[in-house]
Amino acid sequence: MTVQALSETIPSRIAALDAFGPIGVRMQFAAGEEIYAQEEEADLIYQVIEGWVRTSRLLSDGRRQIGDFYYPDELFGMEAGDEHRFSAEALSDCTILVAKRSAVRHCGGDRERLEKLIWAATTHELARTQEHLFMLGRKSACEKVASFLMLAAERVRGDLTTLVMSRQDMADYLGLTIETVSRMLSQLQSGGIVEFVGCRSFRVIQPSGLARLVTA
C-alpha cells in the first residue's frame, strides 16, 4: 500500500502499535524509495523507527537542495501549509511510523502528550533549519563539513558514527561540490580531528578541535 493510499484508509482513531507513536501504523520502505513527493498533500506525519531518511527539493534549473536527514526516533513531514515543500526518500531500508495529522485530535488522554511531542519536534527542526541557513551563508567549506560531522555525531551519540548519506548528498546539503567535501574530509582526518573507519564511518578524535572549527 502506498502512503497516498494510506492517507485515505487510516481511521481517525488508530490502535497503539508503538510506544512512541500510538496513533500510527508501520510501513516498510526500501533504500531509494520515495516516502512522499514534493507538493504532495501533507496530511500525514512520520516517525523513523529504523533506518535513515533524506528530504530534498528540485529547483527549476534541475539542481537539488537537501533539506535535512532524519535518524531513528525523529519525526518529519510536519508542514505549516497543506503541501510538502520537499520530497522524502529512504536512504536505507526503513521502517516508518505513519499517522494522520487529524488523528491527534482524537487521542483522548494521549492528545496532550502527542501535541507536545510534535511541537518539540517542530521547534527542534526549526532550530536545525536556522543553523543550516547560517552554515550555508557564513561558514567556510572546512567549517561547513566540520559542523556536519559534529551534528551527525551528536545525533547518533556513539563512539562510531556512520554517514549513511553519500558524499553527493553531503555536498548538496552544504552547498559545496563533491570534490570540496572529499578534500575537507581528508583534511580533517590528516589533521587528527577525526578518524574514518572505511568510507562512511568516523569517530571524533579531538572533540575540542572539531568544536573550534564549528564555532570559528
Protein backbone atom coordinates (compact mmCIF):
# COMPACT_ATOMS: atom_id res chain seq x y z
CA MET A 1 0.00 0.00 0.00
CA THR A 2 1.34 3.44 -0.89
CA VAL A 3 1.47 6.35 1.55
CA GLN A 4 -1.05 8.22 -0.60
CA ALA A 5 -3.49 5.31 -0.40
CA LEU A 6 -2.81 5.00 3.31
CA SER A 7 -3.97 8.58 3.91
CA GLU A 8 -7.40 7.59 2.64
CA THR A 9 -7.71 4.41 4.70
CA ILE A 10 -6.25 5.22 8.15
CA PRO A 11 -9.14 5.87 10.54
CA SER A 12 -9.15 8.89 12.84
CA ARG A 13 -8.53 6.59 15.79
CA ILE A 14 -5.70 4.09 15.40
CA ALA A 15 -4.75 1.39 17.87
CA ALA A 16 -1.40 1.87 19.56
CA LEU A 17 1.25 -0.02 17.61
CA ASP A 18 4.33 1.71 19.03
CA ALA A 19 5.08 3.34 22.37
CA PHE A 20 6.49 6.41 20.61
CA GLY A 21 3.66 6.67 18.10
CA PRO A 22 0.36 5.33 19.40
CA ILE A 23 -1.65 6.75 16.50
CA GLY A 24 0.46 5.25 13.73
CA VAL A 25 0.90 2.22 11.54
CA ARG A 26 4.24 0.87 10.40
CA MET A 27 5.31 0.90 6.77
CA GLN A 28 8.42 -0.51 5.12
CA PHE A 29 10.42 1.42 2.51
CA ALA A 30 13.36 0.10 0.52
CA ALA A 31 16.52 2.17 0.12
CA GLY A 32 15.90 4.82 -2.52
CA GLU A 33 12.11 4.54 -2.33
CA GLU A 34 10.05 7.73 -2.18
CA ILE A 35 8.08 8.25 1.03
CA TYR A 36 6.26 11.34 -0.16
CA ALA A 37 6.64 13.71 -3.10
CA GLN A 38 7.31 17.42 -3.31
CA GLU A 39 3.96 19.27 -3.44
CA GLU A 40 2.07 16.15 -2.26
CA GLU A 41 -0.72 16.75 0.24
CA ALA A 42 0.76 16.97 3.74
CA ASP A 43 -1.95 15.13 5.68
CA LEU A 44 0.37 12.63 7.39
CA ILE A 45 3.18 12.80 9.94
CA TYR A 46 6.09 10.38 10.05
CA GLN A 47 8.49 8.91 12.58
CA VAL A 48 11.65 6.99 11.70
CA ILE A 49 11.67 3.69 13.59
CA GLU A 50 14.59 2.08 11.77
CA GLY A 51 16.81 3.46 9.02
CA TRP A 52 17.51 6.97 7.73
CA VAL A 53 15.54 9.43 5.61
CA ARG A 54 16.54 12.32 3.35
CA THR A 55 14.37 15.26 2.29
CA SER A 56 15.21 17.16 -0.89
CA ARG A 57 13.80 19.71 -3.30
CA LEU A 58 14.42 20.07 -7.04
CA LEU A 59 14.97 23.61 -8.27
CA SER A 60 13.67 24.84 -11.61
CA ASP A 61 17.12 24.50 -13.21
CA GLY A 62 17.46 20.86 -12.14
CA ARG A 63 19.74 21.43 -9.16
CA ARG A 64 18.92 19.64 -5.91
CA GLN A 65 18.78 21.10 -2.42
CA ILE A 66 18.89 18.70 0.52
CA GLY A 67 16.55 19.81 3.30
CA ASP A 68 17.66 17.52 6.12
CA PHE A 69 18.48 13.99 7.18
CA TYR A 70 16.38 12.12 9.74
CA TYR A 71 17.60 9.47 12.16
CA PRO A 72 15.80 6.76 14.18
CA ASP A 73 13.14 8.15 16.58
CA GLU A 74 12.97 11.51 14.77
CA LEU A 75 9.71 12.91 13.40
CA PHE A 76 9.46 14.52 9.96
CA GLY A 77 6.92 15.69 7.43
CA MET A 78 5.40 18.41 9.62
CA GLU A 79 4.29 21.33 7.45
CA ALA A 80 2.78 24.74 8.13
CA GLY A 81 0.75 24.50 4.91
CA ASP A 82 -1.22 21.83 3.09
CA GLU A 83 1.59 20.59 0.80
CA HIS A 84 5.07 19.19 1.28
CA ARG A 85 7.76 21.65 0.22
CA PHE A 86 10.32 18.84 -0.06
CA SER A 87 10.15 15.20 -1.09
CA ALA A 88 11.31 12.46 1.28
CA GLU A 89 13.24 9.33 0.31
CA ALA A 90 14.57 6.37 2.26
CA LEU A 91 18.37 6.49 2.46
CA SER A 92 18.40 2.89 3.63
CA ASP A 93 15.79 0.20 4.16
CA CYS A 94 13.41 1.91 6.58
CA THR A 95 10.59 1.22 8.98
CA ILE A 96 8.45 4.34 9.24
CA LEU A 97 5.55 5.04 11.58
CA VAL A 98 2.84 6.93 9.68
CA ALA A 99 -0.21 8.68 11.11
CA LYS A 100 -2.86 11.15 10.03
CA ARG A 101 -2.38 14.63 11.43
CA SER A 102 -6.08 14.79 12.30
CA ALA A 103 -5.79 11.63 14.42
CA VAL A 104 -4.01 13.58 17.16
CA ARG A 105 -7.24 15.41 17.95
CA HIS A 106 -9.00 12.11 18.73
CA CYS A 107 -6.45 10.53 21.07
CA GLY A 108 -8.21 11.23 24.35
CA GLY A 109 -5.73 11.30 27.20
CA ASP A 110 -2.80 10.89 24.80
CA ARG A 111 -3.60 14.06 22.89
CA GLU A 112 -1.65 16.46 25.10
CA ARG A 113 1.46 14.25 25.11
CA LEU A 114 1.39 13.83 21.34
CA GLU A 115 0.85 17.53 20.71
CA LYS A 116 3.84 18.30 22.94
CA LEU A 117 5.88 15.67 21.10
CA ILE A 118 5.02 17.13 17.69
CA TRP A 119 5.63 20.68 18.93
CA ALA A 120 9.04 19.71 20.32
CA ALA A 121 9.96 18.01 17.04
CA THR A 122 8.83 21.04 15.05
CA THR A 123 10.80 23.55 17.14
CA HIS A 124 13.87 21.28 17.06
CA GLU A 125 13.63 21.10 13.27
CA LEU A 126 13.28 24.89 13.09
CA ALA A 127 16.48 25.26 15.12
CA ARG A 128 18.31 22.89 12.76
CA THR A 129 16.99 24.82 9.77
CA GLN A 130 18.25 28.11 11.22
CA GLU A 131 21.66 26.55 11.84
CA HIS A 132 21.65 25.19 8.28
CA LEU A 133 20.94 28.65 6.85
CA PHE A 134 23.72 30.19 8.95
CA MET A 135 26.10 27.45 7.86
CA LEU A 136 25.30 27.96 4.16
CA GLY A 137 25.66 31.71 4.33
CA ARG A 138 28.52 32.41 6.73
CA LYS A 139 30.84 29.42 7.14
CA SER A 140 33.88 28.34 5.15
CA ALA A 141 33.99 24.95 3.42
CA CYS A 142 36.01 23.40 6.25
CA GLU A 143 33.68 24.86 8.88
CA LYS A 144 30.64 23.53 7.00
CA VAL A 145 31.99 19.98 6.84
CA ALA A 146 33.14 20.12 10.48
CA SER A 147 29.67 21.31 11.52
CA PHE A 148 28.05 18.50 9.56
CA LEU A 149 30.24 15.87 11.25
CA MET A 150 29.63 17.30 14.72
CA LEU A 151 25.85 17.38 14.24
CA ALA A 152 25.89 13.81 12.90
CA ALA A 153 27.95 12.61 15.88
CA GLU A 154 25.63 14.38 18.34
CA ARG A 155 22.53 12.80 16.80
CA VAL A 156 23.99 9.28 16.91
CA ARG A 157 25.60 9.65 20.35
CA GLY A 158 28.01 6.76 19.98
CA ASP A 159 31.76 6.28 19.62
CA LEU A 160 31.44 5.48 15.92
CA THR A 161 29.17 7.50 13.62
CA THR A 162 28.06 6.13 10.26
CA LEU A 163 27.28 8.55 7.43
CA VAL A 164 24.57 6.73 5.52
CA MET A 165 24.27 9.59 3.04
CA SER A 166 26.56 9.82 0.02
CA ARG A 167 29.26 12.45 -0.48
CA GLN A 168 26.98 13.99 -3.12
CA ASP A 169 24.19 14.23 -0.53
CA MET A 170 26.58 16.00 1.82
CA ALA A 171 27.68 18.36 -0.95
CA ASP A 172 24.09 19.25 -1.86
CA TYR A 173 23.23 19.83 1.80
CA LEU A 174 26.27 22.04 2.41
CA GLY A 175 26.19 23.95 -0.88
CA LEU A 176 29.61 22.60 -1.90
CA THR A 177 30.98 20.43 -4.68
CA ILE A 178 31.60 16.76 -4.02
CA GLU A 179 35.31 17.34 -4.62
CA THR A 180 35.42 20.02 -1.93
CA VAL A 181 33.61 17.78 0.56
CA SER A 182 36.06 14.93 -0.07
CA ARG A 183 39.02 17.30 0.27
CA MET A 184 37.74 18.74 3.56
CA LEU A 185 37.10 15.27 4.99
CA SER A 186 40.66 14.26 4.09
CA GLN A 187 41.97 17.47 5.65
CA LEU A 188 40.10 16.83 8.91
CA GLN A 189 41.44 13.27 9.04
CA SER A 190 45.03 14.22 8.22
CA GLY A 191 44.83 16.92 10.90
CA GLY A 192 43.91 14.30 13.50
CA ILE A 193 40.49 15.83 14.17
CA VAL A 194 38.50 12.78 13.04
CA GLU A 195 39.34 9.23 12.05
CA PHE A 196 37.47 7.40 9.31
CA VAL A 197 36.86 3.67 9.54
CA GLY A 198 36.13 2.67 5.96
CA CYS A 199 34.40 5.16 3.67
CA ARG A 200 31.35 6.04 5.77
CA SER A 201 32.07 5.63 9.49
CA PHE A 202 34.13 8.00 11.62
CA ARG A 203 34.96 8.83 15.21
CA VAL A 204 35.88 12.20 16.62
CA ILE A 205 39.49 12.13 17.88
CA GLN A 206 39.75 15.75 19.00
CA PRO A 207 36.32 17.00 20.14
CA SER A 208 37.74 20.38 21.17
CA GLY A 209 39.45 20.80 17.81
CA LEU A 210 36.25 19.98 15.94
CA ALA A 211 34.30 22.36 18.18
CA ARG A 212 36.75 25.19 17.46
CA LEU A 213 36.20 24.75 13.72
CA VAL A 214 32.43 24.71 14.17
CA THR A 215 32.38 27.91 16.24
CA ALA A 216 35.12 29.75 14.33
